[in-house]
């Protein structure tokens, strides 16, 4: 054995390697998610949500793990419904060794078409007992925390999706007297809508006296970084699919600290009940 070590050292010296140590001492800790671990099911076509979550989540202590779910870039009720069968396989792509505090399905229109309860059931087929949310569930919680009842709704969707979305929100007890849309069915186009265009649309719709606040639907729209700006101009609360989802996931995972610079919502606790 001593001869083998000598030969290895001789070879290492010939190769220019001066120090060659194995079995270095190390300690382990709880990993990066010391305060919360979040699992996120992201659509294959989504080009926005990771950037928004990086902005919205605290700098340290919260771990985010994503898995991509195949979807059609063309947004129709039919293509949205097809995603239900892919939920369990996508959840199984999340690291099994991580103890998640919550898993979020990142598709607003998909959650409405599939159904919030069905989304949760499919996720729990892979992770029993898991806390689950989606942008629709998160929006309801966020708007409740903000005290918003009459909503100005901005979407990128075509009329069929918009009509279903408005009806679904109203069935959940929300009033939507104001609505506007960019009328796009291609998720790749939606991801490229400029933030200043979104801000202008939010201010135009949100200025109506008939609404108390604004909800921007679709995880592909870039809203997180402009929330404080448009809230200041409107004097009304503003949230979006990604904005509400990130907040709701944090709160469900037990992260309750207020976070400044992200709009009114991130200073609010999760409402009781």
C-alpha atoms as a PDB file:
ATOM      1  CA  UNK A   1       0.000   0.000   0.000  1.00  0.00           C
ATOM      2  CA  UNK A   2       2.878   2.325   0.884  1.00  0.00           C
ATOM      3  CA  UNK A   3       4.439   1.587  -2.486  1.00  0.00           C
ATOM      4  CA  UNK A   4       1.150   2.443  -4.234  1.00  0.00           C
ATOM      5  CA  UNK A   5       0.981   5.799  -2.443  1.00  0.00           C
ATOM      6  CA  UNK A   6       4.588   6.545  -3.353  1.00  0.00           C
ATOM      7  CA  UNK A   7       3.919   5.716  -6.995  1.00  0.00           C
ATOM      8  CA  UNK A   8       0.839   7.981  -7.036  1.00  0.00           C
ATOM      9  CA  UNK A   9       2.798  10.810  -5.483  1.00  0.00           C
ATOM     10  CA  UNK A  10       5.619  10.326  -7.955  1.00  0.00           C
ATOM     11  CA  UNK A  11       3.143  10.427 -10.836  1.00  0.00           C
ATOM     12  CA  UNK A  12       1.505  13.554  -9.382  1.00  0.00           C
ATOM     13  CA  UNK A  13       4.850  15.311  -9.111  1.00  0.00           C
ATOM     14  CA  UNK A  14       5.643  14.393 -12.727  1.00  0.00           C
ATOM     15  CA  UNK A  15       2.271  15.926 -13.742  1.00  0.00           C
ATOM     16  CA  UNK A  16       3.025  19.126 -11.849  1.00  0.00           C
ATOM     17  CA  UNK A  17       0.514  18.439  -9.054  1.00  0.00           C
ATOM     18  CA  UNK A  18       2.113  19.529  -5.777  1.00  0.00           C
ATOM     19  CA  UNK A  19      -0.774  18.914  -3.312  1.00  0.00           C
ATOM     20  CA  UNK A  20      -3.210  16.019  -3.734  1.00  0.00           C
ATOM     21  CA  UNK A  21      -5.428  15.428  -0.695  1.00  0.00           C
ATOM     22  CA  UNK A  22      -8.463  13.141  -0.535  1.00  0.00           C
ATOM     23  CA  UNK A  23     -11.059  12.758   2.220  1.00  0.00           C
ATOM     24  CA  UNK A  24     -10.941  16.423   3.195  1.00  0.00           C
ATOM     25  CA  UNK A  25     -12.887  17.182   6.364  1.00  0.00           C
ATOM     26  CA  UNK A  26     -16.290  18.850   5.975  1.00  0.00           C
ATOM     27  CA  UNK A  27     -19.427  19.766   7.896  1.00  0.00           C
ATOM     28  CA  UNK A  28     -23.019  19.804   6.648  1.00  0.00           C
ATOM     29  CA  UNK A  29     -25.838  22.253   7.334  1.00  0.00           C
ATOM     30  CA  UNK A  30     -29.462  22.707   6.368  1.00  0.00           C
ATOM     31  CA  UNK A  31     -28.716  23.846   2.816  1.00  0.00           C
ATOM     32  CA  UNK A  32     -29.802  27.114   1.216  1.00  0.00           C
ATOM     33  CA  UNK A  33     -33.455  26.939   2.267  1.00  0.00           C
ATOM     34  CA  UNK A  34     -32.926  27.786   5.921  1.00  0.00           C
ATOM     35  CA  UNK A  35     -36.207  29.727   6.119  1.00  0.00           C
ATOM     36  CA  UNK A  36     -38.287  28.152   3.348  1.00  0.00           C
ATOM     37  CA  UNK A  37     -38.034  25.869   0.305  1.00  0.00           C
ATOM     38  CA  UNK A  38     -40.346  26.589  -2.619  1.00  0.00           C
ATOM     39  CA  UNK A  39     -41.086  24.263  -5.548  1.00  0.00           C
ATOM     40  CA  UNK A  40     -42.270  25.912  -8.764  1.00  0.00           C
ATOM     41  CA  UNK A  41     -43.848  24.205 -11.788  1.00  0.00           C
ATOM     42  CA  UNK A  42     -42.971  26.475 -14.707  1.00  0.00           C
ATOM     43  CA  UNK A  43     -44.392  26.303 -18.223  1.00  0.00           C
ATOM     44  CA  UNK A  44     -41.873  25.362 -20.911  1.00  0.00           C
ATOM     45  CA  UNK A  45     -42.670  28.573 -22.821  1.00  0.00           C
ATOM     46  CA  UNK A  46     -42.440  30.920 -19.808  1.00  0.00           C
ATOM     47  CA  UNK A  47     -39.562  33.383 -20.217  1.00  0.00           C
ATOM     48  CA  UNK A  48     -40.447  35.654 -17.301  1.00  0.00           C
ATOM     49  CA  UNK A  49     -41.213  33.994 -13.994  1.00  0.00           C
ATOM     50  CA  UNK A  50     -37.695  33.095 -12.812  1.00  0.00           C
ATOM     51  CA  UNK A  51     -36.571  36.695 -13.240  1.00  0.00           C
ATOM     52  CA  UNK A  52     -39.615  37.981 -11.353  1.00  0.00           C
ATOM     53  CA  UNK A  53     -39.144  35.503  -8.504  1.00  0.00           C
ATOM     54  CA  UNK A  54     -35.457  36.470  -8.227  1.00  0.00           C
ATOM     55  CA  UNK A  55     -36.593  40.056  -7.719  1.00  0.00           C
ATOM     56  CA  UNK A  56     -39.452  39.254  -5.341  1.00  0.00           C
ATOM     57  CA  UNK A  57     -37.921  36.651  -3.027  1.00  0.00           C
ATOM     58  CA  UNK A  58     -35.572  37.639  -0.181  1.00  0.00           C
ATOM     59  CA  UNK A  59     -31.850  37.587  -0.941  1.00  0.00           C
ATOM     60  CA  UNK A  60     -31.083  34.675   1.365  1.00  0.00           C
ATOM     61  CA  UNK A  61     -32.751  31.940   3.372  1.00  0.00           C
ATOM     62  CA  UNK A  62     -35.395  31.009   0.783  1.00  0.00           C
ATOM     63  CA  UNK A  63     -34.583  28.257  -1.729  1.00  0.00           C
ATOM     64  CA  UNK A  64     -36.425  28.103  -5.056  1.00  0.00           C
ATOM     65  CA  UNK A  65     -36.448  24.909  -7.143  1.00  0.00           C
ATOM     66  CA  UNK A  66     -38.131  24.846 -10.539  1.00  0.00           C
ATOM     67  CA  UNK A  67     -39.287  22.118 -12.910  1.00  0.00           C
ATOM     68  CA  UNK A  68     -40.458  22.771 -16.468  1.00  0.00           C
ATOM     69  CA  UNK A  69     -43.834  21.512 -17.668  1.00  0.00           C
ATOM     70  CA  UNK A  70     -44.365  21.016 -21.398  1.00  0.00           C
ATOM     71  CA  UNK A  71     -47.066  23.233 -22.900  1.00  0.00           C
ATOM     72  CA  UNK A  72     -48.230  24.535 -26.250  1.00  0.00           C
ATOM     73  CA  UNK A  73     -47.241  28.149 -26.943  1.00  0.00           C
ATOM     74  CA  UNK A  74     -50.713  28.745 -28.397  1.00  0.00           C
ATOM     75  CA  UNK A  75     -53.048  29.520 -25.508  1.00  0.00           C
ATOM     76  CA  UNK A  76     -56.493  27.933 -25.904  1.00  0.00           C
ATOM     77  CA  UNK A  77     -58.812  26.166 -23.447  1.00  0.00           C
ATOM     78  CA  UNK A  78     -57.884  22.886 -25.131  1.00  0.00           C
ATOM     79  CA  UNK A  79     -54.106  23.312 -24.859  1.00  0.00           C
ATOM     80  CA  UNK A  80     -54.456  24.498 -21.271  1.00  0.00           C
ATOM     81  CA  UNK A  81     -56.507  21.435 -20.299  1.00  0.00           C
ATOM     82  CA  UNK A  82     -53.818  19.130 -21.729  1.00  0.00           C
ATOM     83  CA  UNK A  83     -51.403  20.211 -19.001  1.00  0.00           C
ATOM     84  CA  UNK A  84     -53.304  18.381 -16.258  1.00  0.00           C
ATOM     85  CA  UNK A  85     -51.827  15.026 -17.282  1.00  0.00           C
ATOM     86  CA  UNK A  86     -48.301  16.481 -17.070  1.00  0.00           C
ATOM     87  CA  UNK A  87     -48.542  17.799 -13.526  1.00  0.00           C
ATOM     88  CA  UNK A  88     -47.521  14.627 -11.667  1.00  0.00           C
ATOM     89  CA  UNK A  89     -44.478  13.875 -13.896  1.00  0.00           C
ATOM     90  CA  UNK A  90     -43.347  17.487 -13.536  1.00  0.00           C
ATOM     91  CA  UNK A  91     -43.650  17.445  -9.739  1.00  0.00           C
ATOM     92  CA  UNK A  92     -41.503  14.307  -9.791  1.00  0.00           C
ATOM     93  CA  UNK A  93     -38.714  16.314 -11.448  1.00  0.00           C
ATOM     94  CA  UNK A  94     -38.320  18.418  -8.293  1.00  0.00           C
ATOM     95  CA  UNK A  95     -35.486  17.172  -6.028  1.00  0.00           C
ATOM     96  CA  UNK A  96     -36.788  14.385  -3.807  1.00  0.00           C
ATOM     97  CA  UNK A  97     -34.364  15.211  -0.985  1.00  0.00           C
ATOM     98  CA  UNK A  98     -35.798  18.694  -0.418  1.00  0.00           C
ATOM     99  CA  UNK A  99     -38.537  19.225   2.163  1.00  0.00           C
ATOM    100  CA  UNK A 100     -40.724  21.742   0.361  1.00  0.00           C
ATOM    101  CA  UNK A 101     -42.922  24.133   2.294  1.00  0.00           C
ATOM    102  CA  UNK A 102     -45.140  24.670  -0.746  1.00  0.00           C
ATOM    103  CA  UNK A 103     -45.374  23.837  -4.456  1.00  0.00           C
ATOM    104  CA  UNK A 104     -46.811  26.351  -6.913  1.00  0.00           C
ATOM    105  CA  UNK A 105     -48.244  25.687 -10.385  1.00  0.00           C
ATOM    106  CA  UNK A 106     -47.311  28.749 -12.416  1.00  0.00           C
ATOM    107  CA  UNK A 107     -50.125  29.160 -14.928  1.00  0.00           C
ATOM    108  CA  UNK A 108     -53.138  31.401 -14.304  1.00  0.00           C
ATOM    109  CA  UNK A 109     -55.351  30.378 -17.198  1.00  0.00           C
ATOM    110  CA  UNK A 110     -54.272  26.745 -16.803  1.00  0.00           C
ATOM    111  CA  UNK A 111     -55.342  26.729 -13.160  1.00  0.00           C
ATOM    112  CA  UNK A 112     -58.753  28.073 -14.153  1.00  0.00           C
ATOM    113  CA  UNK A 113     -59.297  25.584 -16.971  1.00  0.00           C
ATOM    114  CA  UNK A 114     -58.015  22.565 -15.009  1.00  0.00           C
ATOM    115  CA  UNK A 115     -59.473  23.804 -11.726  1.00  0.00           C
ATOM    116  CA  UNK A 116     -57.631  24.884  -8.592  1.00  0.00           C
ATOM    117  CA  UNK A 117     -58.696  21.804  -6.644  1.00  0.00           C
ATOM    118  CA  UNK A 118     -57.649  19.415  -9.416  1.00  0.00           C
ATOM    119  CA  UNK A 119     -54.247  21.077  -9.645  1.00  0.00           C
ATOM    120  CA  UNK A 120     -53.756  20.567  -5.907  1.00  0.00           C
ATOM    121  CA  UNK A 121     -54.914  16.950  -6.120  1.00  0.00           C
ATOM    122  CA  UNK A 122     -52.483  16.157  -8.951  1.00  0.00           C
ATOM    123  CA  UNK A 123     -49.558  17.735  -7.099  1.00  0.00           C
ATOM    124  CA  UNK A 124     -50.418  15.742  -3.973  1.00  0.00           C
ATOM    125  CA  UNK A 125     -50.431  12.512  -5.967  1.00  0.00           C
ATOM    126  CA  UNK A 126     -46.669  13.030  -6.166  1.00  0.00           C
ATOM    127  CA  UNK A 127     -46.171  14.839  -2.834  1.00  0.00           C
ATOM    128  CA  UNK A 128     -48.762  13.753  -0.285  1.00  0.00           C
ATOM    129  CA  UNK A 129     -49.969  16.428   2.113  1.00  0.00           C
ATOM    130  CA  UNK A 130     -48.165  19.223   0.263  1.00  0.00           C
ATOM    131  CA  UNK A 131     -49.341  22.841   0.475  1.00  0.00           C
ATOM    132  CA  UNK A 132     -50.236  23.834  -3.083  1.00  0.00           C
ATOM    133  CA  UNK A 133     -51.074  27.117  -4.735  1.00  0.00           C
ATOM    134  CA  UNK A 134     -51.401  28.631  -8.206  1.00  0.00           C
ATOM    135  CA  UNK A 135     -51.880  32.180  -9.523  1.00  0.00           C
ATOM    136  CA  UNK A 136     -55.684  32.052  -9.188  1.00  0.00           C
ATOM    137  CA  UNK A 137     -55.629  30.812  -5.595  1.00  0.00           C
ATOM    138  CA  UNK A 138     -52.807  33.257  -4.852  1.00  0.00           C
ATOM    139  CA  UNK A 139     -54.654  36.169  -6.468  1.00  0.00           C
ATOM    140  CA  UNK A 140     -57.735  35.545  -4.346  1.00  0.00           C
ATOM    141  CA  UNK A 141     -55.587  35.472  -1.207  1.00  0.00           C
ATOM    142  CA  UNK A 142     -53.620  38.552  -2.279  1.00  0.00           C
ATOM    143  CA  UNK A 143     -56.651  40.643  -3.191  1.00  0.00           C
ATOM    144  CA  UNK A 144     -58.245  39.660   0.105  1.00  0.00           C
ATOM    145  CA  UNK A 145     -55.126  40.741   2.009  1.00  0.00           C
ATOM    146  CA  UNK A 146     -55.185  44.046   0.117  1.00  0.00           C
ATOM    147  CA  UNK A 147     -58.900  44.595   0.730  1.00  0.00           C
ATOM    148  CA  UNK A 148     -59.699  44.749  -2.985  1.00  0.00           C
ATOM    149  CA  UNK A 149     -63.191  43.701  -4.062  1.00  0.00           C
ATOM    150  CA  UNK A 150     -63.720  45.573  -7.330  1.00  0.00           C
ATOM    151  CA  UNK A 151     -60.943  44.601  -9.697  1.00  0.00           C
ATOM    152  CA  UNK A 152     -59.562  46.063 -12.895  1.00  0.00           C
ATOM    153  CA  UNK A 153     -58.352  42.970 -14.758  1.00  0.00           C
ATOM    154  CA  UNK A 154     -55.572  43.221 -17.344  1.00  0.00           C
ATOM    155  CA  UNK A 155     -54.710  40.150 -19.434  1.00  0.00           C
ATOM    156  CA  UNK A 156     -52.764  39.305 -22.589  1.00  0.00           C
ATOM    157  CA  UNK A 157     -55.361  36.735 -23.687  1.00  0.00           C
ATOM    158  CA  UNK A 158     -57.858  36.390 -26.528  1.00  0.00           C
ATOM    159  CA  UNK A 159     -61.593  36.844 -25.925  1.00  0.00           C
ATOM    160  CA  UNK A 160     -62.436  33.160 -25.247  1.00  0.00           C
ATOM    161  CA  UNK A 161     -59.924  32.997 -22.418  1.00  0.00           C
ATOM    162  CA  UNK A 162     -60.876  36.439 -21.115  1.00  0.00           C
ATOM    163  CA  UNK A 163     -64.560  35.579 -20.891  1.00  0.00           C
ATOM    164  CA  UNK A 164     -63.790  32.353 -19.024  1.00  0.00           C
ATOM    165  CA  UNK A 165     -61.346  34.141 -16.736  1.00  0.00           C
ATOM    166  CA  UNK A 166     -63.799  36.893 -15.815  1.00  0.00           C
ATOM    167  CA  UNK A 167     -66.612  34.402 -15.211  1.00  0.00           C
ATOM    168  CA  UNK A 168     -64.351  32.237 -13.043  1.00  0.00           C
ATOM    169  CA  UNK A 169     -63.211  35.159 -10.911  1.00  0.00           C
ATOM    170  CA  UNK A 170     -66.778  36.382 -10.512  1.00  0.00           C
ATOM    171  CA  UNK A 171     -67.876  32.893  -9.475  1.00  0.00           C
ATOM    172  CA  UNK A 172     -65.266  33.162  -6.715  1.00  0.00           C
ATOM    173  CA  UNK A 173     -66.889  36.310  -5.357  1.00  0.00           C
ATOM    174  CA  UNK A 174     -64.833  38.970  -7.134  1.00  0.00           C
ATOM    175  CA  UNK A 175     -66.321  41.935  -8.965  1.00  0.00           C
ATOM    176  CA  UNK A 176     -64.668  42.812 -12.287  1.00  0.00           C
ATOM    177  CA  UNK A 177     -66.207  46.038 -13.629  1.00  0.00           C
ATOM    178  CA  UNK A 178     -63.071  46.995 -15.599  1.00  0.00           C
ATOM    179  CA  UNK A 179     -61.153  44.791 -18.017  1.00  0.00           C
ATOM    180  CA  UNK A 180     -58.537  45.156 -20.744  1.00  0.00           C
ATOM    181  CA  UNK A 181     -56.457  42.819 -22.909  1.00  0.00           C
ATOM    182  CA  UNK A 182     -53.491  42.792 -25.274  1.00  0.00           C
ATOM    183  CA  UNK A 183     -55.406  40.118 -27.270  1.00  0.00           C
ATOM    184  CA  UNK A 184     -52.504  37.716 -27.889  1.00  0.00           C
ATOM    185  CA  UNK A 185     -52.632  33.914 -28.134  1.00  0.00           C
ATOM    186  CA  UNK A 186     -48.862  33.297 -28.441  1.00  0.00           C
ATOM    187  CA  UNK A 187     -47.025  33.018 -25.119  1.00  0.00           C
ATOM    188  CA  UNK A 188     -43.744  33.895 -26.820  1.00  0.00           C
ATOM    189  CA  UNK A 189     -45.187  37.257 -27.892  1.00  0.00           C
ATOM    190  CA  UNK A 190     -46.652  37.879 -24.441  1.00  0.00           C
ATOM    191  CA  UNK A 191     -43.204  37.463 -22.860  1.00  0.00           C
ATOM    192  CA  UNK A 192     -41.883  40.302 -25.050  1.00  0.00           C
ATOM    193  CA  UNK A 193     -44.549  42.885 -24.201  1.00  0.00           C
ATOM    194  CA  UNK A 194     -42.562  45.826 -22.851  1.00  0.00           C
ATOM    195  CA  UNK A 195     -42.886  46.739 -19.183  1.00  0.00           C
ATOM    196  CA  UNK A 196     -43.735  50.354 -20.042  1.00  0.00           C
ATOM    197  CA  UNK A 197     -46.676  49.161 -22.167  1.00  0.00           C
ATOM    198  CA  UNK A 198     -47.911  47.058 -19.254  1.00  0.00           C
ATOM    199  CA  UNK A 199     -47.513  50.018 -16.875  1.00  0.00           C
ATOM    200  CA  UNK A 200     -49.493  52.276 -19.230  1.00  0.00           C
ATOM    201  CA  UNK A 201     -52.280  49.694 -19.471  1.00  0.00           C
ATOM    202  CA  UNK A 202     -52.408  49.237 -15.684  1.00  0.00           C
ATOM    203  CA  UNK A 203     -52.694  52.986 -15.124  1.00  0.00           C
ATOM    204  CA  UNK A 204     -55.340  53.390 -17.837  1.00  0.00           C
ATOM    205  CA  UNK A 205     -57.548  50.619 -16.446  1.00  0.00           C
ATOM    206  CA  UNK A 206     -56.803  51.280 -12.787  1.00  0.00           C
ATOM    207  CA  UNK A 207     -57.735  54.949 -13.055  1.00  0.00           C
ATOM    208  CA  UNK A 208     -61.406  54.019 -13.402  1.00  0.00           C
ATOM    209  CA  UNK A 209     -63.463  54.954 -10.335  1.00  0.00           C
ATOM    210  CA  UNK A 210     -65.266  51.609 -10.599  1.00  0.00           C
ATOM    211  CA  UNK A 211     -62.242  49.617  -9.341  1.00  0.00           C
ATOM    212  CA  UNK A 212     -60.357  49.403  -6.031  1.00  0.00           C
ATOM    213  CA  UNK A 213     -57.204  47.807  -7.431  1.00  0.00           C
ATOM    214  CA  UNK A 214     -55.626  46.022 -10.403  1.00  0.00           C
ATOM    215  CA  UNK A 215     -54.799  42.377 -11.070  1.00  0.00           C
ATOM    216  CA  UNK A 216     -52.597  41.527 -14.065  1.00  0.00           C
ATOM    217  CA  UNK A 217     -53.111  37.953 -15.228  1.00  0.00           C
ATOM    218  CA  UNK A 218     -50.422  35.745 -16.845  1.00  0.00           C
ATOM    219  CA  UNK A 219     -47.053  34.607 -15.560  1.00  0.00           C
ATOM    220  CA  UNK A 220     -45.399  35.705 -18.817  1.00  0.00           C
ATOM    221  CA  UNK A 221     -46.154  39.414 -18.290  1.00  0.00           C
ATOM    222  CA  UNK A 222     -43.363  41.455 -16.666  1.00  0.00           C
ATOM    223  CA  UNK A 223     -44.972  43.261 -13.756  1.00  0.00           C
ATOM    224  CA  UNK A 224     -42.998  42.689 -10.534  1.00  0.00           C
ATOM    225  CA  UNK A 225     -40.503  45.518 -11.006  1.00  0.00           C
ATOM    226  CA  UNK A 226     -43.151  48.139 -11.840  1.00  0.00           C
ATOM    227  CA  UNK A 227     -45.646  47.432  -9.041  1.00  0.00           C
ATOM    228  CA  UNK A 228     -44.388  50.141  -6.670  1.00  0.00           C
ATOM    229  CA  UNK A 229     -44.247  52.706  -9.481  1.00  0.00           C
ATOM    230  CA  UNK A 230     -47.795  52.135 -10.708  1.00  0.00           C
ATOM    231  CA  UNK A 231     -49.204  51.883  -7.178  1.00  0.00           C
ATOM    232  CA  UNK A 232     -47.717  55.304  -6.423  1.00  0.00           C
ATOM    233  CA  UNK A 233     -49.287  56.798  -9.555  1.00  0.00           C
ATOM    234  CA  UNK A 234     -52.683  55.160  -9.046  1.00  0.00           C
ATOM    235  CA  UNK A 235     -52.987  55.335  -5.297  1.00  0.00           C
ATOM    236  CA  UNK A 236     -54.434  51.816  -5.512  1.00  0.00           C
ATOM    237  CA  UNK A 237     -52.961  48.359  -4.899  1.00  0.00           C
ATOM    238  CA  UNK A 238     -51.624  46.374  -7.855  1.00  0.00           C
ATOM    239  CA  UNK A 239     -50.682  42.715  -8.093  1.00  0.00           C
ATOM    240  CA  UNK A 240     -50.119  40.134 -10.810  1.00  0.00           C
ATOM    241  CA  UNK A 241     -49.922  36.385 -11.332  1.00  0.00           C
ATOM    242  CA  UNK A 242     -46.215  36.159 -10.456  1.00  0.00           C
ATOM    243  CA  UNK A 243     -46.385  38.857  -7.778  1.00  0.00           C
ATOM    244  CA  UNK A 244     -49.300  37.212  -5.964  1.00  0.00           C
ATOM    245  CA  UNK A 245     -47.901  33.698  -6.435  1.00  0.00           C
ATOM    246  CA  UNK A 246     -44.493  34.537  -4.953  1.00  0.00           C
ATOM    247  CA  UNK A 247     -46.124  36.269  -1.955  1.00  0.00           C
ATOM    248  CA  UNK A 248     -48.589  33.430  -1.369  1.00  0.00           C
ATOM    249  CA  UNK A 249     -45.888  30.757  -1.611  1.00  0.00           C
ATOM    250  CA  UNK A 250     -43.740  32.599   0.921  1.00  0.00           C
ATOM    251  CA  UNK A 251     -46.621  32.964   3.348  1.00  0.00           C
ATOM    252  CA  UNK A 252     -47.768  29.331   2.975  1.00  0.00           C
ATOM    253  CA  UNK A 253     -44.190  28.164   3.544  1.00  0.00           C
ATOM    254  CA  UNK A 254     -44.074  30.109   6.806  1.00  0.00           C
ATOM    255  CA  UNK A 255     -42.044  33.137   5.696  1.00  0.00           C
ATOM    256  CA  UNK A 256     -43.969  36.029   7.257  1.00  0.00           C
ATOM    257  CA  UNK A 257     -41.445  38.896   7.296  1.00  0.00           C
ATOM    258  CA  UNK A 258     -42.482  42.018   5.340  1.00  0.00           C
ATOM    259  CA  UNK A 259     -40.367  42.807   2.283  1.00  0.00           C
ATOM    260  CA  UNK A 260     -40.004  46.412   1.134  1.00  0.00           C
ATOM    261  CA  UNK A 261     -39.679  47.633  -2.456  1.00  0.00           C
ATOM    262  CA  UNK A 262     -42.087  45.079  -3.876  1.00  0.00           C
ATOM    263  CA  UNK A 263     -45.439  46.836  -3.492  1.00  0.00           C
ATOM    264  CA  UNK A 264     -48.069  46.896  -0.768  1.00  0.00           C
ATOM    265  CA  UNK A 265     -48.784  43.171  -0.900  1.00  0.00           C
ATOM    266  CA  UNK A 266     -45.358  42.109   0.361  1.00  0.00           C
ATOM    267  CA  UNK A 267     -45.890  44.044   3.587  1.00  0.00           C
ATOM    268  CA  UNK A 268     -49.146  42.194   4.306  1.00  0.00           C
ATOM    269  CA  UNK A 269     -49.675  38.947   6.216  1.00  0.00           C
ATOM    270  CA  UNK A 270     -51.803  36.103   4.944  1.00  0.00           C
ATOM    271  CA  UNK A 271     -55.375  36.840   5.993  1.00  0.00           C
ATOM    272  CA  UNK A 272     -56.862  34.474   8.555  1.00  0.00           C
ATOM    273  CA  UNK A 273     -59.145  31.805   7.104  1.00  0.00           C
END
